[in-house]
Protein backbone atom coordinates (compact mmCIF):
# COMPACT_ATOMS: atom_id res chain seq x y z
CA UNK A 1 93.26 124.40 136.33
CA UNK A 2 93.82 126.09 132.95
CA UNK A 3 92.05 124.59 129.94
CA UNK A 4 93.90 124.08 126.66
CA UNK A 5 91.85 124.99 123.59
CA UNK A 6 92.94 123.27 120.40
CA UNK A 7 91.74 121.96 117.08
CA UNK A 8 92.02 118.26 116.22
CA UNK A 9 93.95 117.95 112.93
CA UNK A 10 92.10 116.36 110.01
CA UNK A 11 93.47 115.32 106.62
CA UNK A 12 92.18 117.14 103.56
CA UNK A 13 88.65 116.02 102.70
CA UNK A 14 88.20 114.15 105.99
CA UNK A 15 84.97 114.60 107.93
CA UNK A 16 85.79 112.19 110.74
CA UNK A 17 89.06 111.19 112.38
CA UNK A 18 89.73 107.79 113.93
CA UNK A 19 92.63 107.88 116.38
CA UNK A 20 94.11 104.94 118.24
CA UNK A 21 96.39 105.79 121.17
CA UNK A 22 98.62 103.30 122.99
CA UNK A 23 100.50 105.20 125.68
CA UNK A 24 101.90 104.85 129.19
CA UNK A 25 99.12 107.11 130.49
CA UNK A 26 96.20 109.11 129.14
CA UNK A 27 96.69 112.71 127.97
CA UNK A 28 97.07 114.46 131.36
CA UNK A 29 95.95 118.03 130.58
CA UNK A 30 92.49 119.54 130.85
CA UNK A 31 91.54 120.47 127.30
CA UNK A 32 88.67 121.04 124.90
CA UNK A 33 88.17 121.14 121.15
CA UNK A 34 85.40 122.08 118.76
CA UNK A 35 85.15 118.45 117.67
CA UNK A 36 82.90 115.99 119.51
CA UNK A 37 84.73 112.84 120.66
CA UNK A 38 83.60 109.29 121.25
CA UNK A 39 86.29 107.51 123.29
CA UNK A 40 86.48 103.78 123.96
CA UNK A 41 88.83 102.90 126.83
CA UNK A 42 90.34 99.68 125.49
CA UNK A 43 92.79 99.40 128.39
CA UNK A 44 93.39 101.42 131.53
CA UNK A 45 91.46 102.99 134.40
CA UNK A 46 91.22 106.29 136.25
CA UNK A 47 88.86 109.24 136.45
CA UNK A 48 87.28 111.40 133.77
CA UNK A 49 86.82 115.06 134.71
CA UNK A 50 84.25 116.94 132.59
CA UNK A 51 83.53 120.60 133.37
CA UNK A 52 84.62 119.97 136.98
CA UNK A 53 82.51 116.84 137.52
CA UNK A 54 84.31 113.54 138.19
CA UNK A 55 83.46 110.12 136.74
CA UNK A 56 85.49 106.95 137.38
CA UNK A 57 86.31 104.84 134.33
CA UNK A 58 87.74 101.41 133.67
CA UNK A 59 88.64 99.13 130.78
CA UNK A 60 85.76 98.79 128.33
CA UNK A 61 83.99 102.05 129.18
CA UNK A 62 82.87 104.34 126.35
CA UNK A 63 82.20 108.07 126.69
CA UNK A 64 80.72 110.67 124.36
CA UNK A 65 82.37 114.06 124.93
CA UNK A 66 80.39 116.91 123.35
CA UNK A 67 82.02 119.70 121.36
CA UNK A 68 83.86 122.27 123.48
CA UNK A 69 83.52 120.37 126.77
CA UNK A 70 86.56 120.83 129.00
CA UNK A 71 87.72 117.33 129.94
CA UNK A 72 90.66 115.13 130.89
CA UNK A 73 91.08 111.37 131.36
CA UNK A 74 93.45 110.94 134.32
CA UNK A 75 95.30 107.69 134.99
CA UNK A 76 95.39 107.06 138.74
CA UNK A 77 98.36 104.69 138.96
CA UNK A 78 101.79 106.20 139.55
CA UNK A 79 103.66 103.30 137.94
CA UNK A 80 102.59 103.90 134.33
CA UNK A 81 104.64 100.97 133.02
CA UNK A 82 102.04 98.75 134.70
CA UNK A 83 99.05 100.81 133.62
CA UNK A 84 99.25 101.07 129.86
CA UNK A 85 96.56 103.37 128.44
CA UNK A 86 94.98 102.23 125.19
CA UNK A 87 92.00 103.96 123.58
CA UNK A 88 90.25 104.49 120.25
CA UNK A 89 88.60 107.86 119.63
CA UNK A 90 86.25 109.07 116.91
CA UNK A 91 86.42 112.85 116.33
CA UNK A 92 83.95 114.87 114.26
CA UNK A 93 82.83 118.49 114.07
CA UNK A 94 79.04 118.82 114.58
CA UNK A 95 79.17 122.31 113.04
CA UNK A 96 81.27 121.28 110.03
CA UNK A 97 80.32 119.46 106.85
CA UNK A 98 78.14 117.01 108.78
CA UNK A 99 75.77 119.84 109.63
CA UNK A 100 75.07 120.40 105.92
CA UNK A 101 74.57 116.71 105.22
CA UNK A 102 72.18 116.34 108.13
CA UNK A 103 69.91 118.99 106.61
CA UNK A 104 68.42 116.14 104.56
CA UNK A 105 65.05 115.06 105.95
CA UNK A 106 66.16 111.47 106.34
CA UNK A 107 68.75 112.57 108.91
CA UNK A 108 66.42 114.53 111.21
CA UNK A 109 67.07 112.28 114.22
CA UNK A 110 70.84 112.59 113.76
CA UNK A 111 70.56 116.36 113.33
CA UNK A 112 68.70 116.59 116.63
CA UNK A 113 71.40 114.52 118.33
CA UNK A 114 74.22 116.69 116.93
CA UNK A 115 72.48 119.96 117.75
CA UNK A 116 71.21 119.27 121.25
CA UNK A 117 73.65 116.88 122.93
CA UNK A 118 75.98 119.40 124.56
CA UNK A 119 76.66 117.73 127.92
CA UNK A 120 78.05 114.34 126.86
CA UNK A 121 77.24 110.97 128.41
CA UNK A 122 78.66 107.57 129.34
CA UNK A 123 77.49 104.66 127.20
CA UNK A 124 75.64 102.18 129.48
CA UNK A 125 77.63 99.00 130.12
CA UNK A 126 74.88 96.96 128.47
CA UNK A 127 75.55 98.83 125.20
CA UNK A 128 79.36 98.71 125.28
CA UNK A 129 79.65 95.66 123.04
CA UNK A 130 77.36 96.97 120.30
CA UNK A 131 79.03 100.41 120.27
CA UNK A 132 82.58 99.02 120.36
CA UNK A 133 81.70 96.72 117.43
CA UNK A 134 80.57 99.79 115.49
CA UNK A 135 83.82 101.56 116.35
CA UNK A 136 85.91 98.61 115.11
CA UNK A 137 83.94 98.44 111.85
CA UNK A 138 84.44 102.16 111.31
CA UNK A 139 88.15 101.96 112.13
CA UNK A 140 88.72 99.13 109.64
CA UNK A 141 86.84 100.73 106.73
CA UNK A 142 87.56 103.65 104.44
CA UNK A 143 85.93 106.17 102.12
CA UNK A 144 82.17 105.65 101.65
CA UNK A 145 82.10 102.52 103.85
CA UNK A 146 83.59 104.56 106.69
CA UNK A 147 80.85 107.16 106.37
CA UNK A 148 78.14 104.50 106.32
CA UNK A 149 79.49 102.89 109.50
CA UNK A 150 79.78 106.35 111.05
CA UNK A 151 76.09 107.12 110.43
CA UNK A 152 75.10 103.76 111.91
CA UNK A 153 77.24 104.64 114.94
CA UNK A 154 75.56 108.05 115.25
CA UNK A 155 72.14 106.42 115.06
CA UNK A 156 73.10 104.08 117.89
CA UNK A 157 74.44 106.96 120.01
CA UNK A 158 71.32 109.02 119.34
CA UNK A 159 69.11 106.25 120.72
CA UNK A 160 71.37 105.68 123.74
CA UNK A 161 71.62 109.38 124.61
CA UNK A 162 67.87 109.68 125.28
CA UNK A 163 68.16 107.61 128.47
CA UNK A 164 71.80 108.26 129.43
CA UNK A 165 72.80 110.55 132.31
CA UNK A 166 74.72 113.65 131.13
CA UNK A 167 78.34 114.00 132.24
CA UNK A 168 77.81 117.51 133.57
CA UNK A 169 75.10 120.03 134.35
CA UNK A 170 76.66 122.75 132.23
CA UNK A 171 74.17 124.78 130.21
CA UNK A 172 76.33 127.44 128.54
CA UNK A 173 77.77 125.23 125.80
CA UNK A 174 76.48 127.51 123.06
CA UNK A 175 78.23 130.50 124.62
CA UNK A 176 81.52 128.63 124.90
CA UNK A 177 81.22 127.38 121.33
CA UNK A 178 80.61 130.93 120.10
CA UNK A 179 83.61 132.26 122.01
CA UNK A 180 85.81 129.41 120.85
CA UNK A 181 84.89 129.88 117.18
CA UNK A 182 85.87 133.53 117.39
CA UNK A 183 89.31 132.75 118.76
CA UNK A 184 92.39 133.50 116.71
CA UNK A 185 93.64 129.93 116.84
CA UNK A 186 90.78 128.72 114.63
CA UNK A 187 91.65 131.24 111.95
CA UNK A 188 95.28 130.13 112.08
CA UNK A 189 94.38 126.44 111.89
CA UNK A 190 92.02 126.98 108.97
CA UNK A 191 94.81 128.70 107.07
CA UNK A 192 97.26 125.88 107.81
CA UNK A 193 94.66 123.24 106.91
CA UNK A 194 94.22 124.87 103.50
CA UNK A 195 97.93 125.35 102.74
CA UNK A 196 99.75 122.46 104.45
CA UNK A 197 100.83 120.99 101.11
CA UNK A 198 102.84 124.15 100.43
CA UNK A 199 106.20 125.15 101.88
CA UNK A 200 104.90 126.93 104.98
CA UNK A 201 107.40 128.69 107.23
CA UNK A 202 107.10 129.71 110.85
CA UNK A 203 107.81 133.32 109.89
CA UNK A 204 105.05 133.50 107.26
CA UNK A 205 102.40 131.96 109.52
CA UNK A 206 103.44 134.09 112.52
CA UNK A 207 103.24 137.21 110.37
CA UNK A 208 99.72 136.27 109.29
CA UNK A 209 98.76 135.95 112.97
CA UNK A 210 100.40 139.32 113.76
CA UNK A 211 102.80 137.68 116.19
CA UNK A 212 106.55 137.34 116.38
CA UNK A 213 107.83 133.82 115.61
CA UNK A 214 108.68 133.26 119.29
CA UNK A 215 105.31 134.50 120.54
CA UNK A 216 103.50 132.49 117.88
CA UNK A 217 105.23 129.25 118.94
CA UNK A 218 104.12 129.78 122.55
CA UNK A 219 100.58 130.79 121.52
CA UNK A 220 100.10 127.89 119.09
CA UNK A 221 101.39 125.28 121.54
CA UNK A 222 99.20 126.66 124.33
CA UNK A 223 95.99 126.58 122.30
CA UNK A 224 96.52 123.55 120.05
CA UNK A 225 98.47 121.26 122.36
CA UNK A 226 100.99 120.73 119.54
CA UNK A 227 103.98 122.52 118.11
CA UNK A 228 103.51 124.01 114.64
CA UNK A 229 105.81 121.32 113.18
CA UNK A 230 103.89 118.58 115.00
CA UNK A 231 100.54 119.90 113.75
CA UNK A 232 101.81 120.14 110.17
CA UNK A 233 103.30 116.64 110.32
CA UNK A 234 100.00 115.13 111.51
CA UNK A 235 98.07 116.85 108.72
CA UNK A 236 100.54 115.76 106.07
CA UNK A 237 100.83 112.16 107.24
CA UNK A 238 97.04 111.90 107.45
CA UNK A 239 96.80 113.09 103.84
CA UNK A 240 99.52 110.63 102.75
CA UNK A 241 97.60 107.74 104.35
CA UNK A 242 94.39 108.86 102.65
CA UNK A 243 96.10 108.83 99.26
CA UNK A 244 97.75 105.48 99.89
CA UNK A 245 94.26 103.98 100.35
CA UNK A 246 93.26 104.95 96.85
CA UNK A 247 93.79 102.73 93.83
CA UNK A 248 96.55 104.57 91.98
CA UNK A 249 100.03 104.02 90.59
CA UNK A 250 101.74 106.98 92.26
CA UNK A 251 104.89 106.14 94.20
CA UNK A 252 105.07 106.81 97.94
CA UNK A 253 107.80 109.41 97.37
CA UNK A 254 105.62 111.23 94.80
CA UNK A 255 102.72 111.33 97.27
CA UNK A 256 105.01 112.52 100.08
CA UNK A 257 106.37 115.40 98.00
CA UNK A 258 102.85 116.41 96.98
CA UNK A 259 101.73 116.46 100.60
CA UNK A 260 104.37 118.98 101.66
CA UNK A 261 107.43 116.87 102.52
CA UNK A 262 110.70 117.91 100.86
CA UNK A 263 112.86 115.03 102.11
CA UNK A 264 112.05 111.33 101.79
CA UNK A 265 114.38 110.48 104.67
CA UNK A 266 112.57 112.97 106.90
CA UNK A 267 109.19 111.74 105.65
CA UNK A 268 110.00 108.09 106.47
CA UNK A 269 111.16 109.06 109.97
CA UNK A 270 108.04 111.13 110.68
CA UNK A 271 105.70 108.51 109.19
CA UNK A 272 107.10 105.79 111.46
CA UNK A 273 106.97 108.09 114.50
CA UNK A 274 103.28 108.96 113.96
CA UNK A 275 101.89 105.73 112.46
CA UNK A 276 104.21 103.27 114.21
CA UNK A 277 105.50 101.51 111.09
CA UNK A 278 107.15 102.28 107.75
CA UNK A 279 105.07 103.29 104.69
CA UNK A 280 105.76 99.88 103.13
CA UNK A 281 104.62 98.02 106.25
CA UNK A 282 101.54 100.24 106.41
CA UNK A 283 100.58 99.39 102.81
CA UNK A 284 101.06 95.65 103.40
CA UNK A 285 98.85 95.82 106.49
CA UNK A 286 96.20 97.89 104.69
CA UNK A 287 96.05 95.50 101.73
CA UNK A 288 95.71 92.53 104.08
CA UNK A 289 92.79 94.17 105.88
CA UNK A 290 91.16 95.10 102.57
CA UNK A 291 91.40 91.55 101.27
CA UNK A 292 89.77 90.22 104.46
CA UNK A 293 86.63 92.33 103.98
């Protein structure tokens, strides 16, 4: 089975990404990414395949997938309308900005966890409630509060990992990480991440990658799991949401234009498709959650 290599899109300035998925079935393709992933199966069941080793999962299970581990969560039911898949994932890059922050002496235990946990693990059932509570707190917070909850979550995972069984016996994680970081797709994604607010065109990005537009589309979709337009839209919407959280007087349309959108009608359509509600509904919901804290 071929493995898709791709980079999880982050908004500008983001160190962690919280992603809630409510789908008919889990993402069905074997894939890996440079970001580590903590996934809480809120609803659904099936099998998790990690580097060729199989682990059954059910509602309530929580798994830590290390950076660059090939994995797939497979729903077993054939009637997906009766087997809705709901999950919340926390993504972060152990070799990104977190690595620099963890150089502080106070974070030695977290640094050890980030550097040496390359095989992943399943959170013991006895710890599911405490870890899921941490995930909910992180999901419902923002800015510095989000980072604080994230470090508490890492501390909990670090303690759990010492007694947890690894998901696979793979020992060449460092080699795979090295190979992955040298791949052309990372260079392309870094460029897009730095320029997504500008008017990027398929032709200009393909030229930078030394590919024809048609070849680039196939290459990018194969290695990122997304089309170029889909990747750009996720980056831009993530940045819009980040700015909407801040206390400012800018209008939504002003923010949208400054995040790379050139049509408010198109922006509203894309925002609802990705977030699941309109920008106005999103702001109302966010303010309600903020007032409840």
